[in-house]
């Protein structure tokens, strides 16, 4: 006769049985890729809607450009901004969905964001 060592619960407490099949399957399945949702504004390139401006992709509006005199020197913080020198004249315009504290400035073939507070807008 055998002792009571084999008598017990139907569920085993051995380490091999402790790992359930669903846990193993979940650990071995590849992660499901997600697609980021980016809000867009009709008629505006996605680069502006995302807050990242590539000045080379921006076209001036058919109307609505203005001349502006630069009041203070401004050093561009990155490649999307236009460095300014006091008393120079530039052409500026706004784009839909753009931060109202900034305008697109053009000087010759250079283009970039400029802070409105550094400008005197002319008619």
C-alpha atoms as a PDB file:
ATOM      1  CA  UNK A   1       0.000   0.000   0.000  1.00  0.00           C
ATOM      2  CA  UNK A   2       1.080   3.542  -0.727  1.00  0.00           C
ATOM      3  CA  UNK A   3       1.122   6.273   1.815  1.00  0.00           C
ATOM      4  CA  UNK A   4      -0.996   9.417   1.460  1.00  0.00           C
ATOM      5  CA  UNK A   5       1.650  11.221  -0.568  1.00  0.00           C
ATOM      6  CA  UNK A   6      -0.300  10.702  -3.815  1.00  0.00           C
ATOM      7  CA  UNK A   7      -3.636  11.623  -2.358  1.00  0.00           C
ATOM      8  CA  UNK A   8      -4.520  15.255  -2.687  1.00  0.00           C
ATOM      9  CA  UNK A   9      -5.994  18.027  -4.665  1.00  0.00           C
ATOM     10  CA  UNK A  10      -6.667  17.524  -8.385  1.00  0.00           C
ATOM     11  CA  UNK A  11      -4.759  20.759  -9.137  1.00  0.00           C
ATOM     12  CA  UNK A  12      -1.047  20.332  -9.003  1.00  0.00           C
ATOM     13  CA  UNK A  13       1.158  22.844  -7.247  1.00  0.00           C
ATOM     14  CA  UNK A  14       4.259  21.920  -9.206  1.00  0.00           C
ATOM     15  CA  UNK A  15       6.194  24.792 -10.819  1.00  0.00           C
ATOM     16  CA  UNK A  16       5.506  23.415 -14.312  1.00  0.00           C
ATOM     17  CA  UNK A  17       1.749  23.589 -13.756  1.00  0.00           C
ATOM     18  CA  UNK A  18       1.926  27.034 -12.099  1.00  0.00           C
ATOM     19  CA  UNK A  19       2.433  28.699 -15.482  1.00  0.00           C
ATOM     20  CA  UNK A  20      -0.900  28.640 -17.202  1.00  0.00           C
ATOM     21  CA  UNK A  21      -1.060  28.306 -20.995  1.00  0.00           C
ATOM     22  CA  UNK A  22      -2.739  31.720 -21.547  1.00  0.00           C
ATOM     23  CA  UNK A  23       0.109  33.500 -19.732  1.00  0.00           C
ATOM     24  CA  UNK A  24       2.689  31.731 -21.865  1.00  0.00           C
ATOM     25  CA  UNK A  25       0.751  32.461 -25.066  1.00  0.00           C
ATOM     26  CA  UNK A  26       0.385  36.149 -24.183  1.00  0.00           C
ATOM     27  CA  UNK A  27       4.096  36.452 -23.480  1.00  0.00           C
ATOM     28  CA  UNK A  28       5.073  34.946 -26.827  1.00  0.00           C
ATOM     29  CA  UNK A  29       2.617  36.814 -29.070  1.00  0.00           C
ATOM     30  CA  UNK A  30       4.034  39.790 -30.993  1.00  0.00           C
ATOM     31  CA  UNK A  31       2.858  43.234 -29.939  1.00  0.00           C
ATOM     32  CA  UNK A  32       0.101  44.692 -32.093  1.00  0.00           C
ATOM     33  CA  UNK A  33       1.341  47.874 -33.807  1.00  0.00           C
ATOM     34  CA  UNK A  34      -0.725  51.013 -33.327  1.00  0.00           C
ATOM     35  CA  UNK A  35      -1.281  53.770 -35.837  1.00  0.00           C
ATOM     36  CA  UNK A  36      -0.936  57.284 -34.424  1.00  0.00           C
ATOM     37  CA  UNK A  37      -3.904  59.577 -34.977  1.00  0.00           C
ATOM     38  CA  UNK A  38      -2.828  63.020 -36.164  1.00  0.00           C
ATOM     39  CA  UNK A  39      -5.375  65.836 -36.292  1.00  0.00           C
ATOM     40  CA  UNK A  40      -5.371  67.722 -39.565  1.00  0.00           C
ATOM     41  CA  UNK A  41      -6.836  70.947 -40.804  1.00  0.00           C
ATOM     42  CA  UNK A  42      -8.282  70.942 -44.310  1.00  0.00           C
ATOM     43  CA  UNK A  43      -6.011  72.827 -46.710  1.00  0.00           C
ATOM     44  CA  UNK A  44      -3.025  72.957 -44.332  1.00  0.00           C
ATOM     45  CA  UNK A  45      -0.027  70.655 -44.687  1.00  0.00           C
ATOM     46  CA  UNK A  46       0.263  68.111 -41.856  1.00  0.00           C
ATOM     47  CA  UNK A  47       3.571  69.643 -40.823  1.00  0.00           C
ATOM     48  CA  UNK A  48       1.755  72.763 -39.615  1.00  0.00           C
ATOM     49  CA  UNK A  49      -1.102  70.847 -37.949  1.00  0.00           C
ATOM     50  CA  UNK A  50       1.425  68.820 -35.942  1.00  0.00           C
ATOM     51  CA  UNK A  51       3.234  71.951 -34.796  1.00  0.00           C
ATOM     52  CA  UNK A  52       6.327  71.225 -36.903  1.00  0.00           C
ATOM     53  CA  UNK A  53       6.940  73.699 -39.673  1.00  0.00           C
ATOM     54  CA  UNK A  54       9.158  73.049 -42.647  1.00  0.00           C
ATOM     55  CA  UNK A  55       9.531  76.504 -44.208  1.00  0.00           C
ATOM     56  CA  UNK A  56      10.390  75.006 -47.595  1.00  0.00           C
ATOM     57  CA  UNK A  57       6.917  73.391 -47.815  1.00  0.00           C
ATOM     58  CA  UNK A  58       5.002  76.578 -46.963  1.00  0.00           C
ATOM     59  CA  UNK A  59       3.644  78.674 -49.818  1.00  0.00           C
ATOM     60  CA  UNK A  60       2.597  82.296 -49.237  1.00  0.00           C
ATOM     61  CA  UNK A  61      -1.128  82.995 -49.562  1.00  0.00           C
ATOM     62  CA  UNK A  62      -2.359  84.647 -52.768  1.00  0.00           C
ATOM     63  CA  UNK A  63      -3.300  87.680 -50.691  1.00  0.00           C
ATOM     64  CA  UNK A  64      -2.683  88.698 -47.121  1.00  0.00           C
ATOM     65  CA  UNK A  65       1.067  89.251 -47.159  1.00  0.00           C
ATOM     66  CA  UNK A  66       2.295  92.355 -45.381  1.00  0.00           C
ATOM     67  CA  UNK A  67       5.544  94.189 -44.985  1.00  0.00           C
ATOM     68  CA  UNK A  68       7.026  94.428 -41.511  1.00  0.00           C
ATOM     69  CA  UNK A  69       9.903  96.290 -39.940  1.00  0.00           C
ATOM     70  CA  UNK A  70      11.954  94.309 -37.444  1.00  0.00           C
ATOM     71  CA  UNK A  71      12.151  96.099 -34.079  1.00  0.00           C
ATOM     72  CA  UNK A  72      14.827  93.969 -32.364  1.00  0.00           C
ATOM     73  CA  UNK A  73      17.482  91.439 -33.283  1.00  0.00           C
ATOM     74  CA  UNK A  74      16.201  87.867 -32.979  1.00  0.00           C
ATOM     75  CA  UNK A  75      18.320  84.718 -33.027  1.00  0.00           C
ATOM     76  CA  UNK A  76      16.532  81.706 -34.520  1.00  0.00           C
ATOM     77  CA  UNK A  77      16.142  78.861 -32.010  1.00  0.00           C
ATOM     78  CA  UNK A  78      16.006  76.158 -34.722  1.00  0.00           C
ATOM     79  CA  UNK A  79      15.856  75.653 -38.489  1.00  0.00           C
ATOM     80  CA  UNK A  80      12.115  76.441 -38.645  1.00  0.00           C
ATOM     81  CA  UNK A  81      12.686  80.027 -37.465  1.00  0.00           C
ATOM     82  CA  UNK A  82      14.108  83.032 -39.300  1.00  0.00           C
ATOM     83  CA  UNK A  83      16.866  85.087 -37.651  1.00  0.00           C
ATOM     84  CA  UNK A  84      16.105  88.818 -37.669  1.00  0.00           C
ATOM     85  CA  UNK A  85      18.149  92.017 -37.541  1.00  0.00           C
ATOM     86  CA  UNK A  86      16.714  95.247 -36.144  1.00  0.00           C
ATOM     87  CA  UNK A  87      15.439  97.747 -38.770  1.00  0.00           C
ATOM     88  CA  UNK A  88      15.354  95.287 -41.671  1.00  0.00           C
ATOM     89  CA  UNK A  89      12.186  94.888 -43.782  1.00  0.00           C
ATOM     90  CA  UNK A  90      10.617  91.467 -44.329  1.00  0.00           C
ATOM     91  CA  UNK A  91       7.397  90.088 -45.802  1.00  0.00           C
ATOM     92  CA  UNK A  92       5.114  88.289 -43.343  1.00  0.00           C
ATOM     93  CA  UNK A  93       1.914  86.236 -43.469  1.00  0.00           C
ATOM     94  CA  UNK A  94      -0.086  83.870 -41.313  1.00  0.00           C
ATOM     95  CA  UNK A  95      -1.281  80.332 -41.961  1.00  0.00           C
ATOM     96  CA  UNK A  96      -4.521  78.734 -40.732  1.00  0.00           C
ATOM     97  CA  UNK A  97      -3.980  76.774 -37.525  1.00  0.00           C
ATOM     98  CA  UNK A  98      -0.722  78.537 -36.738  1.00  0.00           C
ATOM     99  CA  UNK A  99       0.038  79.977 -33.287  1.00  0.00           C
ATOM    100  CA  UNK A 100      -1.158  83.634 -33.370  1.00  0.00           C
ATOM    101  CA  UNK A 101       2.061  84.789 -31.649  1.00  0.00           C
ATOM    102  CA  UNK A 102       4.078  83.785 -34.730  1.00  0.00           C
ATOM    103  CA  UNK A 103       4.064  84.655 -38.437  1.00  0.00           C
ATOM    104  CA  UNK A 104       5.899  83.241 -41.437  1.00  0.00           C
ATOM    105  CA  UNK A 105       8.598  85.698 -42.458  1.00  0.00           C
ATOM    106  CA  UNK A 106      10.400  85.891 -45.802  1.00  0.00           C
ATOM    107  CA  UNK A 107      13.617  87.689 -46.666  1.00  0.00           C
ATOM    108  CA  UNK A 108      14.856  86.965 -50.170  1.00  0.00           C
ATOM    109  CA  UNK A 109      14.904  83.164 -50.488  1.00  0.00           C
ATOM    110  CA  UNK A 110      14.964  82.619 -46.702  1.00  0.00           C
ATOM    111  CA  UNK A 111      11.751  81.690 -44.920  1.00  0.00           C
ATOM    112  CA  UNK A 112      10.801  80.794 -41.335  1.00  0.00           C
ATOM    113  CA  UNK A 113       8.687  81.531 -38.271  1.00  0.00           C
ATOM    114  CA  UNK A 114       9.136  84.931 -36.617  1.00  0.00           C
ATOM    115  CA  UNK A 115       7.673  86.228 -33.320  1.00  0.00           C
ATOM    116  CA  UNK A 116       5.024  88.933 -33.825  1.00  0.00           C
ATOM    117  CA  UNK A 117       6.318  90.939 -30.828  1.00  0.00           C
ATOM    118  CA  UNK A 118       9.575  91.639 -32.681  1.00  0.00           C
ATOM    119  CA  UNK A 119       7.760  93.252 -35.631  1.00  0.00           C
ATOM    120  CA  UNK A 120       6.082  96.510 -36.572  1.00  0.00           C
ATOM    121  CA  UNK A 121       3.443  95.502 -39.115  1.00  0.00           C
ATOM    122  CA  UNK A 122       3.092  98.002 -41.954  1.00  0.00           C
ATOM    123  CA  UNK A 123       0.169  98.478 -44.325  1.00  0.00           C
END
